[in-house]
């Protein structure tokens, strides 16, 4: 009866032979005839290229972009204000002073986006952006209520609203400004 070592060596040799055979069969198998490279890459390019915006859609996207830049900056400022409150000073009055102008901005931005003249093809996108601004305004309002009553559950709700608003804003960005840098 052979010892364990020769049996183990034979097992390793058989496993290597099986792997080599499988690799060899994989390499020699017939391949389907591929489309010419130019056609293949052209088909991929068609799928990945976003559709161009019409003149009205482009006008709306440009008008919204001016507000969007400030909305993005304000959303980040609100997040940093919350981080600063939790990590640095824990002063509710200082926290409120940071949030008050942001709350006003988001309230005004909601109104401004609502009054923009969006083409019918982007009415859903406009509504989603209006909702995002309302969510940010509500998050800021929850934070301000927290600074008055100290109820920490308000901060959890504000965070939930902030995350939802950020997601909505990013979805609008993918429609109007594909490939845009996403700071959140």
Protein backbone atom coordinates (compact mmCIF):
# COMPACT_ATOMS: atom_id res chain seq x y z
CA UNK A 1 0.00 0.00 0.00
CA UNK A 2 1.56 3.32 -1.04
CA UNK A 3 2.32 5.98 1.56
CA UNK A 4 0.53 9.28 1.90
CA UNK A 5 3.20 11.35 0.19
CA UNK A 6 3.15 9.55 -3.17
CA UNK A 7 -0.68 9.62 -3.10
CA UNK A 8 -0.69 13.36 -2.39
CA UNK A 9 1.88 13.96 -5.15
CA UNK A 10 -0.20 11.95 -7.62
CA UNK A 11 -3.32 13.97 -6.67
CA UNK A 12 -1.50 17.27 -7.26
CA UNK A 13 -0.20 16.05 -10.64
CA UNK A 14 -3.72 14.97 -11.70
CA UNK A 15 -5.19 18.32 -10.59
CA UNK A 16 -2.53 20.24 -12.52
CA UNK A 17 -3.07 18.07 -15.60
CA UNK A 18 -6.84 18.66 -15.42
CA UNK A 19 -6.35 22.42 -15.07
CA UNK A 20 -3.90 22.48 -17.97
CA UNK A 21 -6.27 20.44 -20.12
CA UNK A 22 -9.23 22.70 -19.33
CA UNK A 23 -7.17 25.80 -20.15
CA UNK A 24 -5.96 24.25 -23.40
CA UNK A 25 -9.55 23.34 -24.43
CA UNK A 26 -10.70 26.84 -23.59
CA UNK A 27 -8.00 28.34 -25.79
CA UNK A 28 -8.61 26.15 -28.82
CA UNK A 29 -12.42 26.30 -28.83
CA UNK A 30 -13.90 28.04 -31.87
CA UNK A 31 -14.88 31.65 -31.29
CA UNK A 32 -17.95 33.29 -32.80
CA UNK A 33 -17.23 35.70 -35.60
CA UNK A 34 -17.16 39.17 -34.06
CA UNK A 35 -18.43 42.34 -35.64
CA UNK A 36 -15.75 44.66 -36.96
CA UNK A 37 -14.29 46.82 -34.22
CA UNK A 38 -15.62 50.09 -35.63
CA UNK A 39 -19.20 48.80 -35.58
CA UNK A 40 -18.86 47.33 -32.10
CA UNK A 41 -17.43 50.47 -30.55
CA UNK A 42 -20.02 52.56 -32.40
CA UNK A 43 -22.85 50.48 -30.93
CA UNK A 44 -21.40 50.93 -27.46
CA UNK A 45 -21.02 54.65 -27.99
CA UNK A 46 -24.68 54.93 -29.01
CA UNK A 47 -25.81 53.20 -25.82
CA UNK A 48 -23.63 55.26 -23.48
CA UNK A 49 -24.12 58.67 -25.07
CA UNK A 50 -26.95 60.57 -23.38
CA UNK A 51 -29.53 62.06 -25.63
CA UNK A 52 -28.94 65.71 -26.38
CA UNK A 53 -31.18 68.32 -24.81
CA UNK A 54 -33.49 70.44 -26.92
CA UNK A 55 -33.01 74.21 -26.91
CA UNK A 56 -35.78 74.66 -24.29
CA UNK A 57 -34.34 71.87 -22.13
CA UNK A 58 -30.86 73.38 -22.41
CA UNK A 59 -32.21 76.80 -21.41
CA UNK A 60 -33.88 75.30 -18.34
CA UNK A 61 -30.76 73.29 -17.43
CA UNK A 62 -28.62 76.43 -17.69
CA UNK A 63 -31.05 78.47 -15.59
CA UNK A 64 -31.25 75.75 -12.95
CA UNK A 65 -27.45 75.29 -12.96
CA UNK A 66 -26.94 78.76 -11.48
CA UNK A 67 -29.13 77.83 -8.52
CA UNK A 68 -27.81 74.27 -8.36
CA UNK A 69 -24.24 75.44 -7.75
CA UNK A 70 -25.39 77.38 -4.68
CA UNK A 71 -27.71 74.57 -3.56
CA UNK A 72 -24.83 72.09 -3.64
CA UNK A 73 -22.60 74.45 -1.67
CA UNK A 74 -25.39 75.06 0.87
CA UNK A 75 -26.10 71.34 1.27
CA UNK A 76 -22.44 70.70 2.00
CA UNK A 77 -22.37 73.67 4.42
CA UNK A 78 -25.37 72.22 6.29
CA UNK A 79 -23.62 68.85 6.59
CA UNK A 80 -20.43 70.49 7.86
CA UNK A 81 -22.41 72.57 10.36
CA UNK A 82 -23.86 69.35 11.78
CA UNK A 83 -20.45 67.71 11.91
CA UNK A 84 -18.99 70.78 13.59
CA UNK A 85 -21.76 70.80 16.17
CA UNK A 86 -21.18 67.15 17.03
CA UNK A 87 -17.40 67.28 17.10
CA UNK A 88 -16.47 70.78 18.24
CA UNK A 89 -18.58 73.11 20.26
CA UNK A 90 -22.04 71.68 21.01
CA UNK A 91 -23.36 75.24 21.22
CA UNK A 92 -26.98 75.21 19.95
CA UNK A 93 -27.00 79.00 19.36
CA UNK A 94 -23.88 78.83 17.18
CA UNK A 95 -25.40 75.87 15.34
CA UNK A 96 -28.61 77.85 14.74
CA UNK A 97 -26.62 80.83 13.41
CA UNK A 98 -25.00 78.55 10.82
CA UNK A 99 -28.30 76.93 9.80
CA UNK A 100 -30.60 79.98 9.63
CA UNK A 101 -29.21 81.41 6.36
CA UNK A 102 -29.21 77.92 4.83
CA UNK A 103 -32.85 77.39 5.82
CA UNK A 104 -33.75 80.69 4.15
CA UNK A 105 -31.77 79.80 1.03
CA UNK A 106 -33.49 76.41 0.62
CA UNK A 107 -36.94 77.92 1.20
CA UNK A 108 -36.25 80.64 -1.40
CA UNK A 109 -34.70 78.11 -3.80
CA UNK A 110 -37.80 75.92 -3.61
CA UNK A 111 -39.94 78.91 -4.60
CA UNK A 112 -37.52 79.94 -7.34
CA UNK A 113 -37.37 76.49 -8.96
CA UNK A 114 -41.14 76.16 -8.73
CA UNK A 115 -41.55 79.38 -10.75
CA UNK A 116 -39.03 78.42 -13.45
CA UNK A 117 -40.49 77.72 -16.85
CA UNK A 118 -39.52 74.10 -17.54
CA UNK A 119 -40.39 72.44 -20.84
CA UNK A 120 -43.02 69.68 -20.51
CA UNK A 121 -40.34 67.01 -21.03
CA UNK A 122 -38.58 68.18 -17.84
CA UNK A 123 -41.62 68.90 -15.66
CA UNK A 124 -40.96 65.74 -13.63
CA UNK A 125 -37.31 66.70 -13.24
CA UNK A 126 -38.34 70.18 -12.10
CA UNK A 127 -40.79 68.70 -9.58
CA UNK A 128 -38.06 66.41 -8.25
CA UNK A 129 -35.73 69.37 -7.77
CA UNK A 130 -38.50 71.37 -6.04
CA UNK A 131 -39.00 68.40 -3.72
CA UNK A 132 -35.26 68.25 -3.01
CA UNK A 133 -35.20 71.94 -2.03
CA UNK A 134 -38.28 71.41 0.18
CA UNK A 135 -36.59 68.44 1.86
CA UNK A 136 -33.47 70.50 2.54
CA UNK A 137 -35.65 73.34 3.90
CA UNK A 138 -37.46 70.86 6.15
CA UNK A 139 -34.16 69.38 7.32
CA UNK A 140 -32.93 72.87 8.23
CA UNK A 141 -36.23 73.56 10.03
CA UNK A 142 -35.81 70.35 12.06
CA UNK A 143 -32.30 71.40 13.03
CA UNK A 144 -33.56 74.83 14.14
CA UNK A 145 -36.28 73.17 16.22
CA UNK A 146 -33.58 71.01 17.80
CA UNK A 147 -31.58 74.11 18.74
CA UNK A 148 -34.68 75.37 20.57
CA UNK A 149 -35.93 72.22 22.32
CA UNK A 150 -32.86 69.91 22.42
CA UNK A 151 -34.81 66.90 21.11
CA UNK A 152 -32.06 64.81 19.49
CA UNK A 153 -34.60 62.85 17.42
CA UNK A 154 -34.98 65.99 15.33
CA UNK A 155 -31.36 65.64 14.22
CA UNK A 156 -32.04 62.08 13.07
CA UNK A 157 -35.05 63.26 11.07
CA UNK A 158 -33.03 66.15 9.64
CA UNK A 159 -30.35 63.71 8.52
CA UNK A 160 -32.93 61.43 6.87
CA UNK A 161 -34.42 64.41 5.00
CA UNK A 162 -30.95 65.63 4.00
CA UNK A 163 -29.99 62.25 2.54
CA UNK A 164 -33.25 61.98 0.57
CA UNK A 165 -32.81 65.54 -0.76
CA UNK A 166 -29.25 64.77 -1.80
CA UNK A 167 -30.36 61.64 -3.66
CA UNK A 168 -33.10 63.58 -5.47
CA UNK A 169 -30.69 66.35 -6.41
CA UNK A 170 -28.22 63.80 -7.79
CA UNK A 171 -30.94 62.16 -9.89
CA UNK A 172 -31.84 65.52 -11.42
CA UNK A 173 -28.16 66.13 -12.08
CA UNK A 174 -27.89 62.83 -13.98
CA UNK A 175 -30.68 64.00 -16.29
CA UNK A 176 -29.51 67.58 -16.84
CA UNK A 177 -25.75 67.39 -16.28
CA UNK A 178 -24.60 63.77 -16.80
CA UNK A 179 -21.15 63.03 -15.50
CA UNK A 180 -21.24 65.98 -13.11
CA UNK A 181 -18.91 65.80 -10.11
CA UNK A 182 -20.88 64.55 -7.09
CA UNK A 183 -19.66 66.09 -3.86
CA UNK A 184 -21.92 64.07 -1.54
